[in-house]
């Protein structure tokens, strides 16, 4: 039975990330650019703080984040054409079963001043299997998502290194339309 609403991107991530502290340590540099070598206890704390920072950064609505994938769908491009869909025209597009994927790229700025610092560009791969979704489009922008029903998988990576085993969400549905922040998401 699908559950309603409320899935956050962070819900698709574990509490701990395998090898995140190792990846952070590899990227740390001293004040003169030399490789960092913090003590093990500092790395443990740093790994925990890094995991919390990533989870906090990904405390965003899963449906809205997945909507980024719809923006590139060739089936929706015509709705961005003002000749086919004049300004002010409100269209509802019903999507049947389909797969959708998108990525997020949070950047982790590690600063153990004055001894070590580094930046890590992470990748969160999101994949979803939708049974259905209804999109409301206005002026070439998705402004509302309704009747969505899906299951999603999240994977955090650094480069080609997976930082945990993929986690699959429960099946969930939107029980009421989700209005996106104005002006909506532009179809490209």
Foldseek 3Di string as FASTA:
>chain_A
DAAADDDFLLVFPDLAWACPLVVQQQFKAFPVRHRDDDDPVVSVVVRNVQSVVVSVVRRHGPVQQQVVQVLADPVLVVLLDCVSPPAPRKDKDKDAWDKTKDKDWDKDWDDPPPTITGIFTKIKIKMKTWRIWMFIDGNQFGFKIAFTWIKMWIWIGGPPRTGDDIGIGGIHTYPGMDGDPPPHHHRD
